[in-house]
Each structure stands twice: as C-alpha cells, then as structure tokens.
C-alpha cells in the first residue's frame, strides 16, 4: 500500500487541500484534489487540483502562469485534509488577481476586502 492510499477521500472521491506559502506561511487558497490530482502533484512537485465546477483536473497556472512549486506535503491526523507548502510563482494565487483567496474580512457584520487586485483577471484569463 502506498502512502497516498492512506488518504481518506470523501464520498465524491475528493480531499480538501489548503495551500500555504512556504516562505511567508500565508494561507493562499483552498481547493480539492482527487486521487489523480494528488498523484500528479506528488510526481511533478507542481500543484494539480480537481475543479468541481468543470469536473476536470486543474493544473494550477495552466492559464495564468501563476504556478505552485510544491516544497512539502502534509496531512492532518485523520488523513482527510492535505496541506501543501508551495513557492507561489507570479505572486498571484487567486483567480480574482489577488495574492491569496482570503481577502474578505468580517467587520461589524460586513465583509470588507482587505487586499488589492495585483492584476486584473481579464488580463490573466482573457
């Protein structure tokens, strides 16, 4: 049995993945992987996710060029969540053109954007 066989995928064959910047420890994003995405990520040392909306593999940076080079991979105690520590290429991890996906902060019962757009998504994705 390989180490990846110990991962506890959910009933849809997916596992949640938290992605963190290796140098700064900033949480960049959360996504999902199926077994194929996890296997490819381990093999290539580049983040590959599974897009639930498109129902296909999503090679991070395939359109934007903002790839994630994997430095370390962890799992939690139950082996049902993956943590990737990566070098984020291009400084943009979020499809909104921001450095990370966690830019909405709850203040006084309102969501406030605390991060500027680095690059307009239209310039990234067309």
Protein backbone atom coordinates (compact mmCIF):
# COMPACT_ATOMS: atom_id res chain seq x y z
CA UNK A 1 0.00 0.00 0.00
CA UNK A 2 1.41 3.38 -0.98
CA UNK A 3 1.30 6.40 1.33
CA UNK A 4 -1.34 8.01 -0.92
CA UNK A 5 -3.65 5.02 -0.39
CA UNK A 6 -3.97 6.12 3.23
CA UNK A 7 -5.63 9.43 2.29
CA UNK A 8 -9.32 9.50 3.25
CA UNK A 9 -11.15 10.87 0.23
CA UNK A 10 -14.80 11.87 0.73
CA UNK A 11 -17.78 10.12 -0.86
CA UNK A 12 -17.15 12.09 -4.08
CA UNK A 13 -13.54 10.92 -4.22
CA UNK A 14 -12.15 14.30 -3.16
CA UNK A 15 -9.96 15.62 -0.36
CA UNK A 16 -9.75 19.29 0.69
CA UNK A 17 -6.37 20.95 0.19
CA UNK A 18 -5.10 24.04 1.99
CA UNK A 19 -2.23 25.72 0.17
CA UNK A 20 0.28 27.80 2.11
CA UNK A 21 3.24 29.90 1.01
CA UNK A 22 6.41 28.10 2.12
CA UNK A 23 8.37 31.29 2.91
CA UNK A 24 5.76 33.55 4.50
CA UNK A 25 3.34 30.89 5.87
CA UNK A 26 0.48 32.94 4.35
CA UNK A 27 -2.56 30.80 3.53
CA UNK A 28 -3.02 31.21 -0.22
CA UNK A 29 -6.07 29.16 -1.11
CA UNK A 30 -8.24 26.12 -0.53
CA UNK A 31 -9.13 23.68 -3.29
CA UNK A 32 -9.87 20.00 -3.86
CA UNK A 33 -7.90 17.05 -5.19
CA UNK A 34 -8.97 13.65 -6.38
CA UNK A 35 -6.52 10.76 -6.30
CA UNK A 36 -5.23 11.51 -9.80
CA UNK A 37 -4.56 15.17 -8.93
CA UNK A 38 -2.76 14.18 -5.74
CA UNK A 39 -0.68 11.57 -7.55
CA UNK A 40 0.31 14.06 -10.27
CA UNK A 41 1.12 16.71 -7.67
CA UNK A 42 3.43 14.33 -5.82
CA UNK A 43 5.05 13.15 -9.05
CA UNK A 44 5.60 16.57 -10.67
CA UNK A 45 6.04 18.68 -7.49
CA UNK A 46 3.57 21.15 -9.06
CA UNK A 47 0.08 21.72 -7.69
CA UNK A 48 -2.69 19.96 -9.59
CA UNK A 49 -6.24 20.30 -8.27
CA UNK A 50 -9.65 18.97 -9.26
CA UNK A 51 -12.16 21.58 -10.41
CA UNK A 52 -15.59 20.63 -9.11
CA UNK A 53 -17.35 23.15 -11.38
CA UNK A 54 -15.55 21.97 -14.53
CA UNK A 55 -15.29 18.35 -13.33
CA UNK A 56 -11.70 18.01 -14.52
CA UNK A 57 -8.10 18.31 -13.41
CA UNK A 58 -6.89 21.85 -12.92
CA UNK A 59 -3.17 22.37 -13.37
CA UNK A 60 -2.55 25.48 -11.25
CA UNK A 61 -1.21 28.20 -13.52
CA UNK A 62 -2.12 26.49 -16.79
CA UNK A 63 -3.85 29.67 -17.98
CA UNK A 64 -2.40 32.34 -15.70
CA UNK A 65 1.21 31.20 -15.47
CA UNK A 66 0.96 31.52 -11.68
CA UNK A 67 2.11 28.01 -10.85
CA UNK A 68 2.77 26.49 -7.44
CA UNK A 69 6.01 24.57 -6.90
CA UNK A 70 5.42 22.11 -4.05
CA UNK A 71 8.06 22.15 -1.32
CA UNK A 72 6.31 19.99 1.31
CA UNK A 73 3.11 17.97 1.63
CA UNK A 74 1.37 17.25 4.92
CA UNK A 75 -1.85 15.59 6.01
CA UNK A 76 -3.80 16.01 9.21
CA UNK A 77 -4.18 13.33 11.89
CA UNK A 78 -7.21 11.75 10.18
CA UNK A 79 -5.56 11.90 6.76
CA UNK A 80 -8.64 13.66 5.33
CA UNK A 81 -7.11 17.09 4.64
CA UNK A 82 -3.95 17.92 2.69
CA UNK A 83 -1.65 20.87 3.36
CA UNK A 84 0.66 21.96 0.55
CA UNK A 85 3.55 24.29 1.26
CA UNK A 86 4.50 25.91 -2.03
CA UNK A 87 6.55 28.54 -3.76
CA UNK A 88 3.89 30.64 -5.48
CA UNK A 89 5.12 31.78 -8.90
CA UNK A 90 3.93 35.18 -10.10
CA UNK A 91 2.69 36.33 -6.68
CA UNK A 92 -0.96 35.65 -7.54
CA UNK A 93 -2.75 32.59 -6.16
CA UNK A 94 -6.37 33.74 -6.52
CA UNK A 95 -8.42 33.83 -9.72
CA UNK A 96 -9.50 37.35 -8.69
CA UNK A 97 -5.95 38.58 -9.33
CA UNK A 98 -5.01 38.84 -5.66
CA UNK A 99 -2.09 37.29 -3.77
CA UNK A 100 -4.42 34.91 -1.93
CA UNK A 101 -8.06 33.91 -1.78
CA UNK A 102 -8.63 35.01 1.83
CA UNK A 103 -9.15 38.74 1.37
CA UNK A 104 -12.70 39.15 2.70
CA UNK A 105 -12.66 40.05 6.39
CA UNK A 106 -15.77 40.17 8.57
CA UNK A 107 -16.03 43.53 10.36
CA UNK A 108 -19.20 44.80 12.04
CA UNK A 109 -21.37 42.25 10.22
CA UNK A 110 -19.98 43.25 6.80
CA UNK A 111 -17.41 41.62 4.52
CA UNK A 112 -14.57 44.04 3.81
CA UNK A 113 -11.98 43.40 1.08
CA UNK A 114 -8.55 43.87 2.66
CA UNK A 115 -6.41 43.05 -0.37
CA UNK A 116 -5.82 44.90 -3.60
CA UNK A 117 -6.03 43.29 -7.02
CA UNK A 118 -2.48 42.78 -8.31
CA UNK A 119 -3.57 42.08 -11.87
CA UNK A 120 -7.00 42.35 -13.48
CA UNK A 121 -8.38 38.85 -14.04
CA UNK A 122 -9.39 39.88 -17.59
CA UNK A 123 -5.68 40.39 -18.34
CA UNK A 124 -4.86 37.00 -16.85
CA UNK A 125 -7.64 34.88 -18.33
CA UNK A 126 -8.93 36.94 -21.22
